[in-house]
N, C-alpha and C. Protein backbone atom coordinates (compact mmCIF):
# COMPACT_ATOMS: atom_id res chain seq x y z
N MET A 1 0.59 0.38 0.78
CA MET A 1 0.86 -0.71 -0.14
C MET A 1 0.43 -0.30 -1.53
N ALA A 2 0.97 -0.95 -2.52
CA ALA A 2 0.59 -0.68 -3.90
C ALA A 2 0.22 -2.00 -4.55
N VAL A 3 -0.79 -1.95 -5.39
CA VAL A 3 -1.27 -3.15 -6.05
C VAL A 3 -1.40 -2.87 -7.54
N GLU A 4 -0.75 -3.71 -8.34
CA GLU A 4 -0.88 -3.59 -9.79
C GLU A 4 -2.18 -4.23 -10.23
N VAL A 5 -2.97 -3.48 -10.98
CA VAL A 5 -4.23 -3.97 -11.54
C VAL A 5 -4.20 -3.71 -13.04
N ASP A 6 -5.18 -4.23 -13.76
CA ASP A 6 -5.20 -4.06 -15.22
C ASP A 6 -5.15 -2.59 -15.63
N ALA A 7 -5.78 -1.71 -14.85
CA ALA A 7 -5.84 -0.29 -15.20
C ALA A 7 -4.62 0.49 -14.76
N GLY A 8 -3.69 -0.14 -14.04
CA GLY A 8 -2.50 0.57 -13.57
C GLY A 8 -2.13 0.17 -12.16
N LEU A 9 -1.90 1.17 -11.33
CA LEU A 9 -1.47 0.95 -9.96
C LEU A 9 -2.45 1.63 -9.02
N VAL A 10 -2.91 0.91 -8.00
CA VAL A 10 -3.74 1.52 -6.96
C VAL A 10 -3.00 1.39 -5.64
N VAL A 11 -3.30 2.31 -4.72
CA VAL A 11 -2.57 2.37 -3.46
C VAL A 11 -3.56 2.34 -2.29
N PRO A 12 -4.07 1.15 -1.95
CA PRO A 12 -4.95 1.06 -0.79
C PRO A 12 -4.17 1.30 0.50
N VAL A 13 -4.88 1.70 1.54
CA VAL A 13 -4.25 2.11 2.79
C VAL A 13 -4.65 1.16 3.92
N VAL A 14 -3.65 0.66 4.65
CA VAL A 14 -3.92 -0.11 5.87
C VAL A 14 -4.17 0.93 6.96
N GLN A 15 -5.42 1.12 7.29
CA GLN A 15 -5.82 2.14 8.26
C GLN A 15 -5.40 1.76 9.68
N ASN A 16 -4.98 2.75 10.46
CA ASN A 16 -4.64 2.60 11.87
C ASN A 16 -3.62 1.49 12.11
N SER A 17 -2.64 1.38 11.23
CA SER A 17 -1.67 0.29 11.33
C SER A 17 -0.88 0.31 12.63
N SER A 18 -0.74 1.47 13.24
CA SER A 18 0.02 1.55 14.50
C SER A 18 -0.67 0.82 15.64
N THR A 19 -1.95 0.53 15.49
CA THR A 19 -2.68 -0.17 16.55
C THR A 19 -2.86 -1.65 16.24
N LEU A 20 -2.35 -2.11 15.10
CA LEU A 20 -2.56 -3.49 14.67
C LEU A 20 -1.34 -4.36 14.96
N SER A 21 -1.60 -5.64 15.20
CA SER A 21 -0.52 -6.61 15.32
C SER A 21 0.00 -6.92 13.92
N LEU A 22 1.14 -7.59 13.84
CA LEU A 22 1.70 -7.98 12.56
C LEU A 22 0.74 -8.89 11.79
N LEU A 23 0.09 -9.81 12.50
CA LEU A 23 -0.89 -10.69 11.85
C LEU A 23 -2.10 -9.91 11.34
N GLU A 24 -2.52 -8.91 12.07
CA GLU A 24 -3.65 -8.08 11.62
C GLU A 24 -3.27 -7.25 10.40
N ILE A 25 -2.04 -6.75 10.36
CA ILE A 25 -1.57 -6.00 9.19
C ILE A 25 -1.51 -6.93 7.97
N ALA A 26 -0.97 -8.14 8.17
CA ALA A 26 -0.90 -9.10 7.06
C ALA A 26 -2.29 -9.44 6.54
N SER A 27 -3.24 -9.59 7.43
CA SER A 27 -4.62 -9.88 7.03
C SER A 27 -5.22 -8.72 6.25
N ALA A 28 -4.96 -7.49 6.72
CA ALA A 28 -5.48 -6.30 6.03
C ALA A 28 -4.87 -6.17 4.64
N VAL A 29 -3.56 -6.45 4.52
CA VAL A 29 -2.89 -6.37 3.22
C VAL A 29 -3.50 -7.39 2.26
N LYS A 30 -3.72 -8.60 2.73
CA LYS A 30 -4.31 -9.63 1.89
C LYS A 30 -5.72 -9.24 1.44
N ARG A 31 -6.53 -8.74 2.39
CA ARG A 31 -7.90 -8.33 2.08
C ARG A 31 -7.92 -7.17 1.09
N LEU A 32 -7.10 -6.15 1.33
CA LEU A 32 -7.07 -4.99 0.44
C LEU A 32 -6.54 -5.36 -0.94
N GLY A 33 -5.56 -6.25 -0.99
CA GLY A 33 -5.03 -6.70 -2.28
C GLY A 33 -6.10 -7.39 -3.11
N ALA A 34 -6.87 -8.25 -2.45
CA ALA A 34 -7.96 -8.96 -3.15
C ALA A 34 -9.03 -7.98 -3.62
N ARG A 35 -9.36 -7.00 -2.76
CA ARG A 35 -10.38 -6.02 -3.15
C ARG A 35 -9.88 -5.15 -4.31
N ALA A 36 -8.59 -4.84 -4.30
CA ALA A 36 -8.01 -4.05 -5.40
C ALA A 36 -8.09 -4.83 -6.71
N GLN A 37 -7.71 -6.10 -6.67
CA GLN A 37 -7.73 -6.94 -7.88
C GLN A 37 -9.14 -7.09 -8.43
N SER A 38 -10.14 -7.10 -7.55
CA SER A 38 -11.52 -7.26 -8.01
C SER A 38 -12.19 -5.93 -8.33
N GLY A 39 -11.48 -4.82 -8.14
CA GLY A 39 -12.04 -3.50 -8.44
C GLY A 39 -13.08 -3.03 -7.45
N LYS A 40 -13.02 -3.51 -6.22
CA LYS A 40 -14.05 -3.19 -5.23
C LYS A 40 -13.58 -2.30 -4.09
N LEU A 41 -12.46 -1.59 -4.28
CA LEU A 41 -12.00 -0.69 -3.23
C LEU A 41 -12.93 0.51 -3.11
N THR A 42 -13.13 0.95 -1.88
CA THR A 42 -13.93 2.15 -1.63
C THR A 42 -13.01 3.36 -1.52
N PRO A 43 -13.53 4.57 -1.66
CA PRO A 43 -12.68 5.76 -1.48
C PRO A 43 -12.00 5.79 -0.11
N GLU A 44 -12.67 5.30 0.92
CA GLU A 44 -12.09 5.27 2.26
C GLU A 44 -10.87 4.35 2.32
N GLU A 45 -10.84 3.31 1.49
CA GLU A 45 -9.72 2.37 1.48
C GLU A 45 -8.53 2.91 0.68
N LEU A 46 -8.72 4.02 0.01
CA LEU A 46 -7.67 4.61 -0.81
C LEU A 46 -7.12 5.91 -0.22
N GLY A 47 -7.67 6.37 0.91
CA GLY A 47 -7.25 7.64 1.46
C GLY A 47 -6.81 7.55 2.90
N GLY A 48 -6.16 8.60 3.36
CA GLY A 48 -5.80 8.71 4.76
C GLY A 48 -4.39 8.29 5.11
N ALA A 49 -3.59 7.91 4.13
CA ALA A 49 -2.21 7.49 4.42
C ALA A 49 -1.35 8.70 4.77
N THR A 50 -0.39 8.49 5.65
CA THR A 50 0.55 9.55 6.02
C THR A 50 1.99 9.17 5.73
N PHE A 51 2.30 7.87 5.73
CA PHE A 51 3.67 7.40 5.56
C PHE A 51 3.65 6.07 4.83
N THR A 52 4.57 5.88 3.90
CA THR A 52 4.63 4.63 3.14
C THR A 52 6.00 3.99 3.30
N VAL A 53 6.01 2.67 3.41
CA VAL A 53 7.24 1.88 3.38
C VAL A 53 7.16 1.03 2.12
N THR A 54 8.19 1.06 1.29
CA THR A 54 8.20 0.31 0.06
C THR A 54 9.48 -0.51 -0.06
N ASN A 55 9.38 -1.63 -0.76
CA ASN A 55 10.53 -2.52 -0.90
C ASN A 55 10.43 -3.23 -2.25
N LEU A 56 11.45 -3.09 -3.05
CA LEU A 56 11.50 -3.78 -4.33
C LEU A 56 12.62 -4.82 -4.36
N GLY A 57 13.19 -5.12 -3.20
CA GLY A 57 14.29 -6.07 -3.13
C GLY A 57 13.93 -7.45 -3.65
N HIS A 58 12.68 -7.86 -3.45
CA HIS A 58 12.27 -9.18 -3.94
C HIS A 58 12.28 -9.27 -5.46
N LEU A 59 12.39 -8.13 -6.12
CA LEU A 59 12.46 -8.10 -7.58
C LEU A 59 13.91 -8.00 -8.07
N GLY A 60 14.86 -8.08 -7.12
CA GLY A 60 16.27 -8.00 -7.49
C GLY A 60 16.77 -6.58 -7.66
N ILE A 61 16.02 -5.61 -7.19
CA ILE A 61 16.40 -4.20 -7.32
C ILE A 61 17.19 -3.78 -6.09
N ASP A 62 18.38 -3.23 -6.29
CA ASP A 62 19.24 -2.82 -5.19
C ASP A 62 19.00 -1.37 -4.76
N TRP A 63 18.56 -0.53 -5.69
CA TRP A 63 18.42 0.90 -5.40
C TRP A 63 17.35 1.49 -6.29
N PHE A 64 16.53 2.39 -5.74
CA PHE A 64 15.53 3.11 -6.52
C PHE A 64 15.11 4.36 -5.77
N THR A 65 14.46 5.25 -6.47
CA THR A 65 13.93 6.46 -5.85
C THR A 65 12.41 6.34 -5.81
N PRO A 66 11.83 6.15 -4.62
CA PRO A 66 10.38 6.01 -4.53
C PRO A 66 9.68 7.35 -4.78
N ALA A 67 8.47 7.27 -5.29
CA ALA A 67 7.67 8.47 -5.57
C ALA A 67 6.66 8.68 -4.45
N LEU A 68 6.66 9.85 -3.89
CA LEU A 68 5.74 10.20 -2.81
C LEU A 68 4.35 10.39 -3.39
N ASN A 69 3.35 9.83 -2.71
CA ASN A 69 1.96 9.92 -3.13
C ASN A 69 1.24 10.92 -2.23
N PRO A 70 1.20 12.23 -2.62
CA PRO A 70 0.57 13.24 -1.77
C PRO A 70 -0.88 12.88 -1.44
N PRO A 71 -1.37 13.18 -0.28
CA PRO A 71 -0.81 14.10 0.72
C PRO A 71 0.08 13.43 1.77
N GLN A 72 0.64 12.27 1.47
CA GLN A 72 1.53 11.62 2.43
C GLN A 72 2.73 12.53 2.71
N CYS A 73 3.28 12.38 3.91
CA CYS A 73 4.39 13.25 4.29
C CYS A 73 5.74 12.63 4.01
N ALA A 74 5.80 11.28 3.84
CA ALA A 74 7.11 10.65 3.61
C ALA A 74 6.94 9.26 3.05
N ILE A 75 8.03 8.75 2.45
CA ILE A 75 8.07 7.38 1.97
C ILE A 75 9.49 6.85 2.22
N LEU A 76 9.58 5.65 2.71
CA LEU A 76 10.86 4.99 2.96
C LEU A 76 11.01 3.88 1.95
N GLY A 77 12.05 3.95 1.13
CA GLY A 77 12.27 2.93 0.12
C GLY A 77 13.59 2.24 0.31
């Protein structure tokens, strides 16, 4: 996930998402978003991602080229 903050963009990671239910993922996203906005993310919450899913459709965007955030191996936009 990506969160816009005053200083720019931060990319907190939902850890072990493959083992979480949809409700648990939603809860983690909400918690990480709040921590990002308050500037309280830890290094552990910013690392360890391998794959990103991104969507800008809610902004009326039909097509874009997402930017891979290394060391991730892929991004689906």
